[in-house]
Amino acid sequence: MKNITLLLAFLIVLPIGFTGCTKDNPTPSQTPSDLIQGTWNFNNYREEYYNDAGAKVYERTGAIEISKVSFDKTNGIIYFNNGQPDQNVTYVINNNNNKNTLSLMYLGTPYAEFELSVLDNSNMTWYSEQTGTIAYTENGVSKSAKTVKRFVIFSK
């Protein structure tokens, strides 16, 4: 009898344990348009070259002429290595097939388009891919590839 009383008490108290607390509402996640705002410093540029079979045949890293970029809600400024603002651009971020695309426009004309392969509070990577006959030079020798993938890496 004592075991039945304990069992009944347990069954009465059990539902209270599940309903006594509610989950906090999660904070809304930031959109890509929120995350891109601010000043981003250039970190690295990388190109990867691929042959017809899709195998990577060459990679190079280095600097490009951009030192930083800065974005507000609709406009951006591209700073070149001299530290002076060079190009004022407008931008749009679109989401196609779960990929965020950054379209830069200069004087209302499309200027460049990149996939935002990384975009969080402190890191941003612009990615682009070109296919065709891509010429490059490796150790002074002219070569060609089928595809080149380009990565421009920034941090806050």
C-alpha atoms as a PDB file:
ATOM      1  CA  MET A   1       0.000   0.000   0.000  1.00  0.00           C
ATOM      2  CA  LYS A   2       2.856   2.327   0.855  1.00  0.00           C
ATOM      3  CA  ASN A   3       4.363   1.752  -2.633  1.00  0.00           C
ATOM      4  CA  ILE A   4       1.051   2.539  -4.346  1.00  0.00           C
ATOM      5  CA  THR A   5       0.733   5.810  -2.412  1.00  0.00           C
ATOM      6  CA  LEU A   6       4.280   6.826  -3.416  1.00  0.00           C
ATOM      7  CA  LEU A   7       3.602   5.879  -7.015  1.00  0.00           C
ATOM      8  CA  LEU A   8       0.395   7.956  -7.096  1.00  0.00           C
ATOM      9  CA  ALA A   9       2.167  10.931  -5.508  1.00  0.00           C
ATOM     10  CA  PHE A  10       4.939  10.647  -8.084  1.00  0.00           C
ATOM     11  CA  LEU A  11       2.457  10.509 -10.987  1.00  0.00           C
ATOM     12  CA  ILE A  12       0.645  13.600  -9.679  1.00  0.00           C
ATOM     13  CA  VAL A  13       3.869  15.618  -9.236  1.00  0.00           C
ATOM     14  CA  LEU A  14       5.502  14.493 -12.508  1.00  0.00           C
ATOM     15  CA  PRO A  15       3.374  16.659 -14.853  1.00  0.00           C
ATOM     16  CA  ILE A  16       4.088  19.741 -12.731  1.00  0.00           C
ATOM     17  CA  GLY A  17       7.796  19.273 -13.404  1.00  0.00           C
ATOM     18  CA  PHE A  18       7.196  19.399 -17.158  1.00  0.00           C
ATOM     19  CA  THR A  19       4.852  22.388 -17.150  1.00  0.00           C
ATOM     20  CA  GLY A  20       6.353  24.449 -14.341  1.00  0.00           C
ATOM     21  CA  CYS A  21       8.945  26.186 -16.499  1.00  0.00           C
ATOM     22  CA  THR A  22       8.598  27.687 -19.941  1.00  0.00           C
ATOM     23  CA  LYS A  23      11.408  28.192 -22.424  1.00  0.00           C
ATOM     24  CA  ASP A  24      12.665  31.707 -22.848  1.00  0.00           C
ATOM     25  CA  ASN A  25      11.961  33.212 -26.209  1.00  0.00           C
ATOM     26  CA  PRO A  26      15.195  33.079 -28.195  1.00  0.00           C
ATOM     27  CA  THR A  27      16.601  36.389 -29.351  1.00  0.00           C
ATOM     28  CA  PRO A  28      15.953  36.930 -33.022  1.00  0.00           C
ATOM     29  CA  SER A  29      18.967  36.111 -35.157  1.00  0.00           C
ATOM     30  CA  GLN A  30      20.642  38.885 -37.067  1.00  0.00           C
ATOM     31  CA  THR A  31      20.007  39.131 -40.782  1.00  0.00           C
ATOM     32  CA  PRO A  32      22.863  39.341 -43.295  1.00  0.00           C
ATOM     33  CA  SER A  33      21.983  43.033 -43.767  1.00  0.00           C
ATOM     34  CA  ASP A  34      22.506  43.536 -40.013  1.00  0.00           C
ATOM     35  CA  LEU A  35      25.737  41.542 -39.900  1.00  0.00           C
ATOM     36  CA  ILE A  36      27.424  43.285 -42.834  1.00  0.00           C
ATOM     37  CA  GLN A  37      27.157  46.736 -41.284  1.00  0.00           C
ATOM     38  CA  GLY A  38      30.398  48.181 -39.931  1.00  0.00           C
ATOM     39  CA  THR A  39      34.009  48.360 -41.035  1.00  0.00           C
ATOM     40  CA  TRP A  40      35.768  45.225 -42.259  1.00  0.00           C
ATOM     41  CA  ASN A  41      39.563  44.986 -42.558  1.00  0.00           C
ATOM     42  CA  PHE A  42      41.096  43.026 -45.415  1.00  0.00           C
ATOM     43  CA  ASN A  43      42.883  39.855 -44.237  1.00  0.00           C
ATOM     44  CA  ASN A  44      43.678  37.692 -47.235  1.00  0.00           C
ATOM     45  CA  TYR A  45      42.995  36.978 -50.876  1.00  0.00           C
ATOM     46  CA  ARG A  46      43.164  33.452 -52.292  1.00  0.00           C
ATOM     47  CA  GLU A  47      42.712  32.000 -55.777  1.00  0.00           C
ATOM     48  CA  GLU A  48      42.313  28.277 -56.419  1.00  0.00           C
ATOM     49  CA  TYR A  49      42.673  26.895 -59.949  1.00  0.00           C
ATOM     50  CA  TYR A  50      41.041  23.631 -61.081  1.00  0.00           C
ATOM     51  CA  ASN A  51      41.515  21.471 -64.192  1.00  0.00           C
ATOM     52  CA  ASP A  52      38.802  19.874 -66.359  1.00  0.00           C
ATOM     53  CA  ALA A  53      38.513  16.925 -63.943  1.00  0.00           C
ATOM     54  CA  GLY A  54      37.859  19.253 -60.999  1.00  0.00           C
ATOM     55  CA  ALA A  55      41.230  18.660 -59.311  1.00  0.00           C
ATOM     56  CA  LYS A  56      42.982  21.675 -57.773  1.00  0.00           C
ATOM     57  CA  VAL A  57      46.144  22.329 -59.783  1.00  0.00           C
ATOM     58  CA  TYR A  58      47.359  25.618 -58.318  1.00  0.00           C
ATOM     59  CA  GLU A  59      46.693  28.021 -55.458  1.00  0.00           C
ATOM     60  CA  ARG A  60      47.991  31.469 -54.746  1.00  0.00           C
ATOM     61  CA  THR A  61      47.416  33.885 -51.912  1.00  0.00           C
ATOM     62  CA  GLY A  62      48.329  37.466 -51.425  1.00  0.00           C
ATOM     63  CA  ALA A  63      47.143  40.996 -51.220  1.00  0.00           C
ATOM     64  CA  ILE A  64      44.792  42.981 -53.358  1.00  0.00           C
ATOM     65  CA  GLU A  65      44.386  46.738 -53.522  1.00  0.00           C
ATOM     66  CA  ILE A  66      41.555  46.826 -50.967  1.00  0.00           C
ATOM     67  CA  SER A  67      42.548  47.675 -47.384  1.00  0.00           C
ATOM     68  CA  LYS A  68      39.035  47.719 -45.907  1.00  0.00           C
ATOM     69  CA  VAL A  69      35.347  48.096 -46.689  1.00  0.00           C
ATOM     70  CA  SER A  70      32.660  49.816 -44.684  1.00  0.00           C
ATOM     71  CA  PHE A  71      28.886  49.300 -44.918  1.00  0.00           C
ATOM     72  CA  ASP A  72      25.821  50.975 -43.477  1.00  0.00           C
ATOM     73  CA  LYS A  73      22.219  49.904 -44.215  1.00  0.00           C
ATOM     74  CA  THR A  74      22.390  50.567 -47.973  1.00  0.00           C
ATOM     75  CA  ASN A  75      25.772  52.051 -48.877  1.00  0.00           C
ATOM     76  CA  GLY A  76      29.347  50.931 -48.791  1.00  0.00           C
ATOM     77  CA  ILE A  77      32.767  52.490 -49.148  1.00  0.00           C
ATOM     78  CA  ILE A  78      35.731  50.599 -50.547  1.00  0.00           C
ATOM     79  CA  TYR A  79      39.102  51.786 -49.246  1.00  0.00           C
ATOM     80  CA  PHE A  80      42.216  51.025 -51.228  1.00  0.00           C
ATOM     81  CA  ASN A  81      45.718  50.548 -49.836  1.00  0.00           C
ATOM     82  CA  ASN A  82      46.424  54.265 -49.610  1.00  0.00           C
ATOM     83  CA  GLY A  83      43.779  54.375 -46.851  1.00  0.00           C
ATOM     84  CA  GLN A  84      41.623  56.847 -48.704  1.00  0.00           C
ATOM     85  CA  PRO A  85      38.006  56.051 -49.620  1.00  0.00           C
ATOM     86  CA  ASP A  86      37.980  55.221 -53.302  1.00  0.00           C
ATOM     87  CA  GLN A  87      34.583  53.974 -54.325  1.00  0.00           C
ATOM     88  CA  ASN A  88      31.186  54.696 -52.876  1.00  0.00           C
ATOM     89  CA  VAL A  89      28.863  51.837 -53.720  1.00  0.00           C
ATOM     90  CA  THR A  90      25.340  50.756 -52.963  1.00  0.00           C
ATOM     91  CA  TYR A  91      24.675  47.140 -52.216  1.00  0.00           C
ATOM     92  CA  VAL A  92      21.941  44.543 -52.042  1.00  0.00           C
ATOM     93  CA  ILE A  93      22.056  41.189 -50.279  1.00  0.00           C
ATOM     94  CA  ASN A  94      19.876  38.492 -51.814  1.00  0.00           C
ATOM     95  CA  ASN A  95      19.274  34.947 -50.650  1.00  0.00           C
ATOM     96  CA  ASN A  96      19.131  32.409 -53.483  1.00  0.00           C
ATOM     97  CA  ASN A  97      19.016  28.696 -52.685  1.00  0.00           C
ATOM     98  CA  ASN A  98      20.161  29.375 -49.092  1.00  0.00           C
ATOM     99  CA  LYS A  99      23.197  31.330 -50.315  1.00  0.00           C
ATOM    100  CA  ASN A 100      23.581  35.012 -49.516  1.00  0.00           C
ATOM    101  CA  THR A 101      24.771  37.048 -52.484  1.00  0.00           C
ATOM    102  CA  LEU A 102      26.308  40.513 -52.179  1.00  0.00           C
ATOM    103  CA  SER A 103      25.710  42.689 -55.247  1.00  0.00           C
ATOM    104  CA  LEU A 104      27.741  45.895 -55.376  1.00  0.00           C
ATOM    105  CA  MET A 105      26.616  48.760 -57.605  1.00  0.00           C
ATOM    106  CA  TYR A 106      28.642  51.809 -58.593  1.00  0.00           C
ATOM    107  CA  LEU A 107      26.638  54.795 -59.854  1.00  0.00           C
ATOM    108  CA  GLY A 108      23.606  52.510 -60.216  1.00  0.00           C
ATOM    109  CA  THR A 109      25.436  50.034 -62.454  1.00  0.00           C
ATOM    110  CA  PRO A 110      26.232  46.490 -61.268  1.00  0.00           C
ATOM    111  CA  TYR A 111      29.881  46.479 -60.268  1.00  0.00           C
ATOM    112  CA  ALA A 112      30.578  43.056 -58.761  1.00  0.00           C
ATOM    113  CA  GLU A 113      28.738  40.115 -57.258  1.00  0.00           C
ATOM    114  CA  PHE A 114      29.982  37.725 -54.596  1.00  0.00           C
ATOM    115  CA  GLU A 115      28.571  34.907 -52.540  1.00  0.00           C
ATOM    116  CA  LEU A 116      28.911  35.685 -48.836  1.00  0.00           C
ATOM    117  CA  SER A 117      30.303  32.266 -47.961  1.00  0.00           C
ATOM    118  CA  VAL A 118      31.070  33.431 -44.400  1.00  0.00           C
ATOM    119  CA  LEU A 119      29.244  36.254 -42.625  1.00  0.00           C
ATOM    120  CA  ASP A 120      29.030  36.525 -38.860  1.00  0.00           C
ATOM    121  CA  ASN A 121      29.776  39.178 -36.233  1.00  0.00           C
ATOM    122  CA  SER A 122      33.522  39.120 -36.849  1.00  0.00           C
ATOM    123  CA  ASN A 123      34.286  37.364 -40.181  1.00  0.00           C
ATOM    124  CA  MET A 124      33.213  37.887 -43.770  1.00  0.00           C
ATOM    125  CA  THR A 125      34.371  36.056 -46.910  1.00  0.00           C
ATOM    126  CA  TRP A 126      33.459  37.086 -50.447  1.00  0.00           C
ATOM    127  CA  TYR A 127      33.496  34.148 -52.877  1.00  0.00           C
ATOM    128  CA  SER A 128      33.305  34.099 -56.658  1.00  0.00           C
ATOM    129  CA  GLU A 129      33.835  31.415 -59.273  1.00  0.00           C
ATOM    130  CA  GLN A 130      34.704  31.733 -62.940  1.00  0.00           C
ATOM    131  CA  THR A 131      34.728  28.925 -65.495  1.00  0.00           C
ATOM    132  CA  GLY A 132      36.127  28.786 -69.008  1.00  0.00           C
ATOM    133  CA  THR A 133      39.732  28.914 -70.108  1.00  0.00           C
ATOM    134  CA  ILE A 134      41.443  30.717 -67.246  1.00  0.00           C
ATOM    135  CA  ALA A 135      45.043  31.784 -67.802  1.00  0.00           C
ATOM    136  CA  TYR A 136      47.484  31.967 -64.911  1.00  0.00           C
ATOM    137  CA  THR A 137      51.239  31.943 -64.374  1.00  0.00           C
ATOM    138  CA  GLU A 138      52.993  29.420 -62.166  1.00  0.00           C
ATOM    139  CA  ASN A 139      56.741  29.854 -61.595  1.00  0.00           C
ATOM    140  CA  GLY A 140      57.025  31.967 -64.743  1.00  0.00           C
ATOM    141  CA  VAL A 141      55.199  29.406 -66.913  1.00  0.00           C
ATOM    142  CA  SER A 142      51.861  30.313 -68.542  1.00  0.00           C
ATOM    143  CA  LYS A 143      49.192  27.730 -67.842  1.00  0.00           C
ATOM    144  CA  SER A 144      45.426  27.447 -68.056  1.00  0.00           C
ATOM    145  CA  ALA A 145      42.701  26.038 -65.864  1.00  0.00           C
ATOM    146  CA  LYS A 146      39.008  25.287 -66.289  1.00  0.00           C
ATOM    147  CA  THR A 147      37.816  27.036 -63.098  1.00  0.00           C
ATOM    148  CA  VAL A 148      39.140  29.631 -60.698  1.00  0.00           C
ATOM    149  CA  LYS A 149      37.638  30.193 -57.257  1.00  0.00           C
ATOM    150  CA  ARG A 150      38.384  33.497 -55.545  1.00  0.00           C
ATOM    151  CA  PHE A 151      38.083  34.267 -51.828  1.00  0.00           C
ATOM    152  CA  VAL A 152      38.392  37.733 -50.278  1.00  0.00           C
ATOM    153  CA  ILE A 153      38.589  37.446 -46.495  1.00  0.00           C
ATOM    154  CA  PHE A 154      37.770  40.249 -44.035  1.00  0.00           C
ATOM    155  CA  SER A 155      37.456  40.601 -40.268  1.00  0.00           C
ATOM    156  CA  LYS A 156      36.151  43.263 -37.884  1.00  0.00           C
END
